Amino acid sequence: LSVPEHDPVHKVTIIPRGRALGVTM
């Protein structure tokens, strides 16, 4: 959110998905 020209945050989760413990999309 703080850096220029970055895609907007769509979703943040700490529910483990796939091999990740959390995901920021």
mmCIF file of all heavy atoms, coordinates in Angstrom:
data_MODEL
# 
_entry.id   MODEL 
# 
loop_
_atom_site.group_PDB 
_atom_site.id 
_atom_site.type_symbol 
_atom_site.label_atom_id 
_atom_site.label_alt_id 
_atom_site.label_comp_id 
_atom_site.label_asym_id 
_atom_site.label_entity_id 
_atom_site.label_seq_id 
_atom_site.pdbx_PDB_ins_code 
_atom_site.Cartn_x 
_atom_site.Cartn_y 
_atom_site.Cartn_z 
_atom_site.occupancy 
_atom_site.B_iso_or_equiv 
_atom_site.pdbx_formal_charge 
_atom_site.auth_seq_id 
_atom_site.auth_comp_id 
_atom_site.auth_asym_id 
_atom_site.auth_atom_id 
_atom_site.pdbx_PDB_model_num 
ATOM 1   N N   . LEU A 1 1  ? 0.818   -1.218  0.000   1.00 0.00 ? 1  LEU A N   1 
ATOM 2   C CA  . LEU A 1 1  ? 0.000   0.000   0.000   1.00 0.00 ? 1  LEU A CA  1 
ATOM 3   C C   . LEU A 1 1  ? 0.848   1.263   0.000   1.00 0.00 ? 1  LEU A C   1 
ATOM 4   O O   . LEU A 1 1  ? 0.384   2.321   -0.410  1.00 0.00 ? 1  LEU A O   1 
ATOM 5   C CB  . LEU A 1 1  ? -0.917  0.016   1.231   1.00 0.00 ? 1  LEU A CB  1 
ATOM 6   C CG  . LEU A 1 1  ? -2.057  -0.989  1.237   1.00 0.00 ? 1  LEU A CG  1 
ATOM 7   C CD1 . LEU A 1 1  ? -2.690  -1.072  2.622   1.00 0.00 ? 1  LEU A CD1 1 
ATOM 8   C CD2 . LEU A 1 1  ? -3.101  -0.623  0.201   1.00 0.00 ? 1  LEU A CD2 1 
ATOM 9   N N   . SER A 1 2  ? 2.096   1.164   0.464   1.00 0.00 ? 2  SER A N   1 
ATOM 10  C CA  . SER A 1 2  ? 2.942   2.336   0.660   1.00 0.00 ? 2  SER A CA  1 
ATOM 11  C C   . SER A 1 2  ? 3.824   2.688   -0.533  1.00 0.00 ? 2  SER A C   1 
ATOM 12  O O   . SER A 1 2  ? 4.299   3.813   -0.627  1.00 0.00 ? 2  SER A O   1 
ATOM 13  C CB  . SER A 1 2  ? 3.851   2.124   1.876   1.00 0.00 ? 2  SER A CB  1 
ATOM 14  O OG  . SER A 1 2  ? 3.082   1.840   3.015   1.00 0.00 ? 2  SER A OG  1 
ATOM 15  N N   . VAL A 1 3  ? 4.076   1.745   -1.410  1.00 0.00 ? 3  VAL A N   1 
ATOM 16  C CA  . VAL A 1 3  ? 4.994   1.993   -2.524  1.00 0.00 ? 3  VAL A CA  1 
ATOM 17  C C   . VAL A 1 3  ? 4.230   2.411   -3.782  1.00 0.00 ? 3  VAL A C   1 
ATOM 18  O O   . VAL A 1 3  ? 3.049   2.097   -3.929  1.00 0.00 ? 3  VAL A O   1 
ATOM 19  C CB  . VAL A 1 3  ? 5.867   0.742   -2.802  1.00 0.00 ? 3  VAL A CB  1 
ATOM 20  C CG1 . VAL A 1 3  ? 6.823   0.477   -1.658  1.00 0.00 ? 3  VAL A CG1 1 
ATOM 21  C CG2 . VAL A 1 3  ? 5.017   -0.472  -3.086  1.00 0.00 ? 3  VAL A CG2 1 
ATOM 22  N N   . PRO A 1 4  ? 4.902   3.137   -4.689  1.00 0.00 ? 4  PRO A N   1 
ATOM 23  C CA  . PRO A 1 4  ? 4.216   3.612   -5.897  1.00 0.00 ? 4  PRO A CA  1 
ATOM 24  C C   . PRO A 1 4  ? 3.972   2.498   -6.913  1.00 0.00 ? 4  PRO A C   1 
ATOM 25  O O   . PRO A 1 4  ? 4.704   1.503   -6.940  1.00 0.00 ? 4  PRO A O   1 
ATOM 26  C CB  . PRO A 1 4  ? 5.191   4.654   -6.466  1.00 0.00 ? 4  PRO A CB  1 
ATOM 27  C CG  . PRO A 1 4  ? 6.538   4.220   -5.978  1.00 0.00 ? 4  PRO A CG  1 
ATOM 28  C CD  . PRO A 1 4  ? 6.295   3.606   -4.631  1.00 0.00 ? 4  PRO A CD  1 
ATOM 29  N N   . GLU A 1 5  ? 2.945   2.667   -7.700  1.00 0.00 ? 5  GLU A N   1 
ATOM 30  C CA  . GLU A 1 5  ? 2.629   1.792   -8.837  1.00 0.00 ? 5  GLU A CA  1 
ATOM 31  C C   . GLU A 1 5  ? 2.490   0.319   -8.461  1.00 0.00 ? 5  GLU A C   1 
ATOM 32  O O   . GLU A 1 5  ? 2.880   -0.561  -9.214  1.00 0.00 ? 5  GLU A O   1 
ATOM 33  C CB  . GLU A 1 5  ? 3.688   1.927   -9.940  1.00 0.00 ? 5  GLU A CB  1 
ATOM 34  C CG  . GLU A 1 5  ? 3.724   3.292   -10.592 1.00 0.00 ? 5  GLU A CG  1 
ATOM 35  C CD  . GLU A 1 5  ? 4.665   3.311   -11.786 1.00 0.00 ? 5  GLU A CD  1 
ATOM 36  O OE1 . GLU A 1 5  ? 4.516   2.425   -12.657 1.00 0.00 ? 5  GLU A OE1 1 
ATOM 37  O OE2 . GLU A 1 5  ? 5.524   4.200   -11.838 1.00 0.00 ? 5  GLU A OE2 1 
ATOM 38  N N   . HIS A 1 6  ? 1.946   0.049   -7.282  1.00 0.00 ? 6  HIS A N   1 
ATOM 39  C CA  . HIS A 1 6  ? 1.754   -1.337  -6.852  1.00 0.00 ? 6  HIS A CA  1 
ATOM 40  C C   . HIS A 1 6  ? 0.288   -1.717  -7.024  1.00 0.00 ? 6  HIS A C   1 
ATOM 41  O O   . HIS A 1 6  ? -0.599  -0.885  -6.852  1.00 0.00 ? 6  HIS A O   1 
ATOM 42  C CB  . HIS A 1 6  ? 2.177   -1.503  -5.385  1.00 0.00 ? 6  HIS A CB  1 
ATOM 43  C CG  . HIS A 1 6  ? 2.463   -2.924  -5.011  1.00 0.00 ? 6  HIS A CG  1 
ATOM 44  N ND1 . HIS A 1 6  ? 1.473   -3.844  -4.796  1.00 0.00 ? 6  HIS A ND1 1 
ATOM 45  C CD2 . HIS A 1 6  ? 3.626   -3.589  -4.842  1.00 0.00 ? 6  HIS A CD2 1 
ATOM 46  C CE1 . HIS A 1 6  ? 2.014   -5.016  -4.492  1.00 0.00 ? 6  HIS A CE1 1 
ATOM 47  N NE2 . HIS A 1 6  ? 3.320   -4.889  -4.516  1.00 0.00 ? 6  HIS A NE2 1 
ATOM 48  N N   . ASP A 1 7  ? 0.046   -2.971  -7.358  1.00 0.00 ? 7  ASP A N   1 
ATOM 49  C CA  . ASP A 1 7  ? -1.334  -3.446  -7.473  1.00 0.00 ? 7  ASP A CA  1 
ATOM 50  C C   . ASP A 1 7  ? -2.016  -3.342  -6.113  1.00 0.00 ? 7  ASP A C   1 
ATOM 51  O O   . ASP A 1 7  ? -1.378  -3.522  -5.076  1.00 0.00 ? 7  ASP A O   1 
ATOM 52  C CB  . ASP A 1 7  ? -1.363  -4.905  -7.931  1.00 0.00 ? 7  ASP A CB  1 
ATOM 53  C CG  . ASP A 1 7  ? -0.840  -5.084  -9.343  1.00 0.00 ? 7  ASP A CG  1 
ATOM 54  O OD1 . ASP A 1 7  ? -0.939  -4.134  -10.136 1.00 0.00 ? 7  ASP A OD1 1 
ATOM 55  O OD2 . ASP A 1 7  ? -0.325  -6.175  -9.643  1.00 0.00 ? 7  ASP A OD2 1 
ATOM 56  N N   . PRO A 1 8  ? -3.332  -3.070  -6.098  1.00 0.00 ? 8  PRO A N   1 
ATOM 57  C CA  . PRO A 1 8  ? -4.044  -2.966  -4.828  1.00 0.00 ? 8  PRO A CA  1 
ATOM 58  C C   . PRO A 1 8  ? -4.132  -4.309  -4.096  1.00 0.00 ? 8  PRO A C   1 
ATOM 59  O O   . PRO A 1 8  ? -4.151  -5.372  -4.713  1.00 0.00 ? 8  PRO A O   1 
ATOM 60  C CB  . PRO A 1 8  ? -5.447  -2.488  -5.224  1.00 0.00 ? 8  PRO A CB  1 
ATOM 61  C CG  . PRO A 1 8  ? -5.452  -2.302  -6.680  1.00 0.00 ? 8  PRO A CG  1 
ATOM 62  C CD  . PRO A 1 8  ? -4.169  -2.768  -7.250  1.00 0.00 ? 8  PRO A CD  1 
ATOM 63  N N   . VAL A 1 9  ? -4.193  -4.227  -2.764  1.00 0.00 ? 9  VAL A N   1 
ATOM 64  C CA  . VAL A 1 9  ? -4.369  -5.425  -1.948  1.00 0.00 ? 9  VAL A CA  1 
ATOM 65  C C   . VAL A 1 9  ? -5.780  -5.953  -2.180  1.00 0.00 ? 9  VAL A C   1 
ATOM 66  O O   . VAL A 1 9  ? -6.753  -5.212  -2.092  1.00 0.00 ? 9  VAL A O   1 
ATOM 67  C CB  . VAL A 1 9  ? -4.180  -5.102  -0.446  1.00 0.00 ? 9  VAL A CB  1 
ATOM 68  C CG1 . VAL A 1 9  ? -4.466  -6.336  0.405   1.00 0.00 ? 9  VAL A CG1 1 
ATOM 69  C CG2 . VAL A 1 9  ? -2.782  -4.585  -0.174  1.00 0.00 ? 9  VAL A CG2 1 
ATOM 70  N N   . HIS A 1 10 ? -5.880  -7.232  -2.500  1.00 0.00 ? 10 HIS A N   1 
ATOM 71  C CA  . HIS A 1 10 ? -7.185  -7.840  -2.730  1.00 0.00 ? 10 HIS A CA  1 
ATOM 72  C C   . HIS A 1 10 ? -7.648  -8.625  -1.502  1.00 0.00 ? 10 HIS A C   1 
ATOM 73  O O   . HIS A 1 10 ? -8.790  -8.517  -1.078  1.00 0.00 ? 10 HIS A O   1 
ATOM 74  C CB  . HIS A 1 10 ? -7.135  -8.766  -3.941  1.00 0.00 ? 10 HIS A CB  1 
ATOM 75  C CG  . HIS A 1 10 ? -8.396  -9.522  -4.188  1.00 0.00 ? 10 HIS A CG  1 
ATOM 76  N ND1 . HIS A 1 10 ? -9.563  -8.912  -4.581  1.00 0.00 ? 10 HIS A ND1 1 
ATOM 77  C CD2 . HIS A 1 10 ? -8.684  -10.845 -4.075  1.00 0.00 ? 10 HIS A CD2 1 
ATOM 78  C CE1 . HIS A 1 10 ? -10.521 -9.828  -4.696  1.00 0.00 ? 10 HIS A CE1 1 
ATOM 79  N NE2 . HIS A 1 10 ? -10.011 -10.998 -4.401  1.00 0.00 ? 10 HIS A NE2 1 
ATOM 80  N N   . LYS A 1 11 ? -6.720  -9.406  -0.918  1.00 0.00 ? 11 LYS A N   1 
ATOM 81  C CA  . LYS A 1 11 ? -7.114  -10.253 0.198   1.00 0.00 ? 11 LYS A CA  1 
ATOM 82  C C   . LYS A 1 11 ? -5.879  -10.637 1.002   1.00 0.00 ? 11 LYS A C   1 
ATOM 83  O O   . LYS A 1 11 ? -4.815  -10.870 0.446   1.00 0.00 ? 11 LYS A O   1 
ATOM 84  C CB  . LYS A 1 11 ? -7.788  -11.514 -0.334  1.00 0.00 ? 11 LYS A CB  1 
ATOM 85  C CG  . LYS A 1 11 ? -8.427  -12.378 0.709   1.00 0.00 ? 11 LYS A CG  1 
ATOM 86  C CD  . LYS A 1 11 ? -9.223  -13.480 0.058   1.00 0.00 ? 11 LYS A CD  1 
ATOM 87  C CE  . LYS A 1 11 ? -10.541 -12.912 -0.440  1.00 0.00 ? 11 LYS A CE  1 
ATOM 88  N NZ  . LYS A 1 11 ? -11.475 -13.899 -0.898  1.00 0.00 ? 11 LYS A NZ  1 
ATOM 89  N N   . VAL A 1 12 ? -6.056  -10.685 2.317   1.00 0.00 ? 12 VAL A N   1 
ATOM 90  C CA  . VAL A 1 12 ? -5.008  -11.152 3.219   1.00 0.00 ? 12 VAL A CA  1 
ATOM 91  C C   . VAL A 1 12 ? -5.630  -12.226 4.100   1.00 0.00 ? 12 VAL A C   1 
ATOM 92  O O   . VAL A 1 12 ? -6.703  -12.035 4.654   1.00 0.00 ? 12 VAL A O   1 
ATOM 93  C CB  . VAL A 1 12 ? -4.457  -9.999  4.107   1.00 0.00 ? 12 VAL A CB  1 
ATOM 94  C CG1 . VAL A 1 12 ? -3.383  -10.523 5.038   1.00 0.00 ? 12 VAL A CG1 1 
ATOM 95  C CG2 . VAL A 1 12 ? -3.925  -8.856  3.262   1.00 0.00 ? 12 VAL A CG2 1 
ATOM 96  N N   . THR A 1 13 ? -4.937  -13.364 4.215   1.00 0.00 ? 13 THR A N   1 
ATOM 97  C CA  . THR A 1 13 ? -5.447  -14.443 5.047   1.00 0.00 ? 13 THR A CA  1 
ATOM 98  C C   . THR A 1 13 ? -4.304  -15.111 5.800   1.00 0.00 ? 13 THR A C   1 
ATOM 99  O O   . THR A 1 13 ? -3.188  -15.182 5.283   1.00 0.00 ? 13 THR A O   1 
ATOM 100 C CB  . THR A 1 13 ? -6.211  -15.502 4.216   1.00 0.00 ? 13 THR A CB  1 
ATOM 101 O OG1 . THR A 1 13 ? -6.678  -16.528 5.092   1.00 0.00 ? 13 THR A OG1 1 
ATOM 102 C CG2 . THR A 1 13 ? -5.357  -16.107 3.136   1.00 0.00 ? 13 THR A CG2 1 
ATOM 103 N N   . ILE A 1 14 ? -4.598  -15.564 7.009   1.00 0.00 ? 14 ILE A N   1 
ATOM 104 C CA  . ILE A 1 14 ? -3.616  -16.374 7.737   1.00 0.00 ? 14 ILE A CA  1 
ATOM 105 C C   . ILE A 1 14 ? -4.120  -17.809 7.866   1.00 0.00 ? 14 ILE A C   1 
ATOM 106 O O   . ILE A 1 14 ? -3.575  -18.585 8.632   1.00 0.00 ? 14 ILE A O   1 
ATOM 107 C CB  . ILE A 1 14 ? -3.254  -15.776 9.115   1.00 0.00 ? 14 ILE A CB  1 
ATOM 108 C CG1 . ILE A 1 14 ? -4.455  -15.717 10.049  1.00 0.00 ? 14 ILE A CG1 1 
ATOM 109 C CG2 . ILE A 1 14 ? -2.581  -14.436 8.957   1.00 0.00 ? 14 ILE A CG2 1 
ATOM 110 C CD1 . ILE A 1 14 ? -4.081  -15.483 11.495  1.00 0.00 ? 14 ILE A CD1 1 
ATOM 111 N N   . ILE A 1 15 ? -5.119  -18.139 7.092   1.00 0.00 ? 15 ILE A N   1 
ATOM 112 C CA  . ILE A 1 15 ? -5.552  -19.535 6.996   1.00 0.00 ? 15 ILE A CA  1 
ATOM 113 C C   . ILE A 1 15 ? -4.573  -20.214 6.047   1.00 0.00 ? 15 ILE A C   1 
ATOM 114 O O   . ILE A 1 15 ? -4.378  -19.755 4.927   1.00 0.00 ? 15 ILE A O   1 
ATOM 115 C CB  . ILE A 1 15 ? -6.993  -19.640 6.453   1.00 0.00 ? 15 ILE A CB  1 
ATOM 116 C CG1 . ILE A 1 15 ? -7.971  -19.008 7.431   1.00 0.00 ? 15 ILE A CG1 1 
ATOM 117 C CG2 . ILE A 1 15 ? -7.354  -21.101 6.185   1.00 0.00 ? 15 ILE A CG2 1 
ATOM 118 C CD1 . ILE A 1 15 ? -9.375  -18.854 6.894   1.00 0.00 ? 15 ILE A CD1 1 
ATOM 119 N N   . PRO A 1 16 ? -3.908  -21.289 6.481   1.00 0.00 ? 16 PRO A N   1 
ATOM 120 C CA  . PRO A 1 16 ? -2.944  -21.945 5.605   1.00 0.00 ? 16 PRO A CA  1 
ATOM 121 C C   . PRO A 1 16 ? -3.600  -22.376 4.290   1.00 0.00 ? 16 PRO A C   1 
ATOM 122 O O   . PRO A 1 16 ? -4.699  -22.924 4.279   1.00 0.00 ? 16 PRO A O   1 
ATOM 123 C CB  . PRO A 1 16 ? -2.494  -23.169 6.421   1.00 0.00 ? 16 PRO A CB  1 
ATOM 124 C CG  . PRO A 1 16 ? -2.765  -22.797 7.830   1.00 0.00 ? 16 PRO A CG  1 
ATOM 125 C CD  . PRO A 1 16 ? -3.999  -21.938 7.791   1.00 0.00 ? 16 PRO A CD  1 
ATOM 126 N N   . ARG A 1 17 ? -2.906  -22.087 3.180   1.00 0.00 ? 17 ARG A N   1 
ATOM 127 C CA  . ARG A 1 17 ? -3.397  -22.442 1.843   1.00 0.00 ? 17 ARG A CA  1 
ATOM 128 C C   . ARG A 1 17 ? -2.242  -23.031 1.059   1.00 0.00 ? 17 ARG A C   1 
ATOM 129 O O   . ARG A 1 17 ? -1.163  -22.448 1.033   1.00 0.00 ? 17 ARG A O   1 
ATOM 130 C CB  . ARG A 1 17 ? -3.924  -21.218 1.098   1.00 0.00 ? 17 ARG A CB  1 
ATOM 131 C CG  . ARG A 1 17 ? -5.234  -20.703 1.650   1.00 0.00 ? 17 ARG A CG  1 
ATOM 132 C CD  . ARG A 1 17 ? -5.693  -19.513 0.808   1.00 0.00 ? 17 ARG A CD  1 
ATOM 133 N NE  . ARG A 1 17 ? -7.079  -19.226 1.025   1.00 0.00 ? 17 ARG A NE  1 
ATOM 134 C CZ  . ARG A 1 17 ? -8.093  -19.841 0.423   1.00 0.00 ? 17 ARG A CZ  1 
ATOM 135 N NH1 . ARG A 1 17 ? -7.869  -20.787 -0.431  1.00 0.00 ? 17 ARG A NH1 1 
ATOM 136 N NH2 . ARG A 1 17 ? -9.329  -19.497 0.676   1.00 0.00 ? 17 ARG A NH2 1 
ATOM 137 N N   . GLY A 1 18 ? -2.489  -24.156 0.411   1.00 0.00 ? 18 GLY A N   1 
ATOM 138 C CA  . GLY A 1 18 ? -1.404  -24.794 -0.331  1.00 0.00 ? 18 GLY A CA  1 
ATOM 139 C C   . GLY A 1 18 ? -0.269  -25.096 0.626   1.00 0.00 ? 18 GLY A C   1 
ATOM 140 O O   . GLY A 1 18 ? -0.460  -25.677 1.681   1.00 0.00 ? 18 GLY A O   1 
ATOM 141 N N   . ARG A 1 19 ? 0.932   -24.619 0.296   1.00 0.00 ? 19 ARG A N   1 
ATOM 142 C CA  . ARG A 1 19 ? 2.082   -24.840 1.161   1.00 0.00 ? 19 ARG A CA  1 
ATOM 143 C C   . ARG A 1 19 ? 2.372   -23.630 2.043   1.00 0.00 ? 19 ARG A C   1 
ATOM 144 O O   . ARG A 1 19 ? 3.311   -23.640 2.823   1.00 0.00 ? 19 ARG A O   1 
ATOM 145 C CB  . ARG A 1 19 ? 3.294   -25.188 0.301   1.00 0.00 ? 19 ARG A CB  1 
ATOM 146 C CG  . ARG A 1 19 ? 3.115   -26.531 -0.407  1.00 0.00 ? 19 ARG A CG  1 
ATOM 147 C CD  . ARG A 1 19 ? 4.154   -26.818 -1.447  1.00 0.00 ? 19 ARG A CD  1 
ATOM 148 N NE  . ARG A 1 19 ? 5.504   -26.727 -0.919  1.00 0.00 ? 19 ARG A NE  1 
ATOM 149 C CZ  . ARG A 1 19 ? 6.574   -26.612 -1.677  1.00 0.00 ? 19 ARG A CZ  1 
ATOM 150 N NH1 . ARG A 1 19 ? 6.444   -26.555 -2.988  1.00 0.00 ? 19 ARG A NH1 1 
ATOM 151 N NH2 . ARG A 1 19 ? 7.782   -26.541 -1.141  1.00 0.00 ? 19 ARG A NH2 1 
ATOM 152 N N   . ALA A 1 20 ? 1.601   -22.565 1.888   1.00 0.00 ? 20 ALA A N   1 
ATOM 153 C CA  . ALA A 1 20 ? 1.848   -21.325 2.630   1.00 0.00 ? 20 ALA A CA  1 
ATOM 154 C C   . ALA A 1 20 ? 1.034   -21.284 3.922   1.00 0.00 ? 20 ALA A C   1 
ATOM 155 O O   . ALA A 1 20 ? -0.086  -21.788 3.977   1.00 0.00 ? 20 ALA A O   1 
ATOM 156 C CB  . ALA A 1 20 ? 1.479   -20.121 1.760   1.00 0.00 ? 20 ALA A CB  1 
ATOM 157 N N   . LEU A 1 21 ? 1.601   -20.651 4.942   1.00 0.00 ? 21 LEU A N   1 
ATOM 158 C CA  . LEU A 1 21 ? 0.886   -20.482 6.215   1.00 0.00 ? 21 LEU A CA  1 
ATOM 159 C C   . LEU A 1 21 ? -0.090  -19.321 6.145   1.00 0.00 ? 21 LEU A C   1 
ATOM 160 O O   . LEU A 1 21 ? -1.042  -19.250 6.909   1.00 0.00 ? 21 LEU A O   1 
ATOM 161 C CB  . LEU A 1 21 ? 1.886   -20.249 7.352   1.00 0.00 ? 21 LEU A CB  1 
ATOM 162 C CG  . LEU A 1 21 ? 2.841   -21.399 7.642   1.00 0.00 ? 21 LEU A CG  1 
ATOM 163 C CD1 . LEU A 1 21 ? 3.790   -21.015 8.771   1.00 0.00 ? 21 LEU A CD1 1 
ATOM 164 C CD2 . LEU A 1 21 ? 2.080   -22.658 7.983   1.00 0.00 ? 21 LEU A CD2 1 
ATOM 165 N N   . GLY A 1 22 ? 0.147   -18.396 5.224   1.00 0.00 ? 22 GLY A N   1 
ATOM 166 C CA  . GLY A 1 22 ? -0.724  -17.251 5.014   1.00 0.00 ? 22 GLY A CA  1 
ATOM 167 C C   . GLY A 1 22 ? -0.469  -16.698 3.625   1.00 0.00 ? 22 GLY A C   1 
ATOM 168 O O   . GLY A 1 22 ? 0.540   -17.029 2.989   1.00 0.00 ? 22 GLY A O   1 
ATOM 169 N N   . VAL A 1 23 ? -1.369  -15.852 3.143   1.00 0.00 ? 23 VAL A N   1 
ATOM 170 C CA  . VAL A 1 23 ? -1.234  -15.304 1.795   1.00 0.00 ? 23 VAL A CA  1 
ATOM 171 C C   . VAL A 1 23 ? -1.719  -13.860 1.777   1.00 0.00 ? 23 VAL A C   1 
ATOM 172 O O   . VAL A 1 23 ? -2.751  -13.536 2.376   1.00 0.00 ? 23 VAL A O   1 
ATOM 173 C CB  . VAL A 1 23 ? -2.073  -16.120 0.769   1.00 0.00 ? 23 VAL A CB  1 
ATOM 174 C CG1 . VAL A 1 23 ? -1.986  -15.524 -0.616  1.00 0.00 ? 23 VAL A CG1 1 
ATOM 175 C CG2 . VAL A 1 23 ? -1.652  -17.570 0.741   1.00 0.00 ? 23 VAL A CG2 1 
ATOM 176 N N   . THR A 1 24 ? -0.957  -13.011 1.097   1.00 0.00 ? 24 THR A N   1 
ATOM 177 C CA  . THR A 1 24 ? -1.411  -11.662 0.775   1.00 0.00 ? 24 THR A CA  1 
ATOM 178 C C   . THR A 1 24 ? -1.546  -11.616 -0.735  1.00 0.00 ? 24 THR A C   1 
ATOM 179 O O   . THR A 1 24 ? -0.575  -11.871 -1.450  1.00 0.00 ? 24 THR A O   1 
ATOM 180 C CB  . THR A 1 24 ? -0.403  -10.601 1.252   1.00 0.00 ? 24 THR A CB  1 
ATOM 181 O OG1 . THR A 1 24 ? -0.239  -10.736 2.666   1.00 0.00 ? 24 THR A OG1 1 
ATOM 182 C CG2 . THR A 1 24 ? -0.899  -9.195  0.942   1.00 0.00 ? 24 THR A CG2 1 
ATOM 183 N N   . MET A 1 25 ? -2.745  -11.322 -1.205  1.00 0.00 ? 25 MET A N   1 
ATOM 184 C CA  . MET A 1 25 ? -2.999  -11.355 -2.641  1.00 0.00 ? 25 MET A CA  1 
ATOM 185 C C   . MET A 1 25 ? -3.233  -9.951  -3.166  1.00 0.00 ? 25 MET A C   1 
ATOM 186 O O   . MET A 1 25 ? -4.066  -9.209  -2.643  1.00 0.00 ? 25 MET A O   1 
ATOM 187 C CB  . MET A 1 25 ? -4.222  -12.227 -2.914  1.00 0.00 ? 25 MET A CB  1 
ATOM 188 C CG  . MET A 1 25 ? -4.406  -12.588 -4.347  1.00 0.00 ? 25 MET A CG  1 
ATOM 189 S SD  . MET A 1 25 ? -5.579  -13.950 -4.475  1.00 0.00 ? 25 MET A SD  1 
ATOM 190 C CE  . MET A 1 25 ? -6.913  -13.124 -5.259  1.00 0.00 ? 25 MET A CE  1 
# 
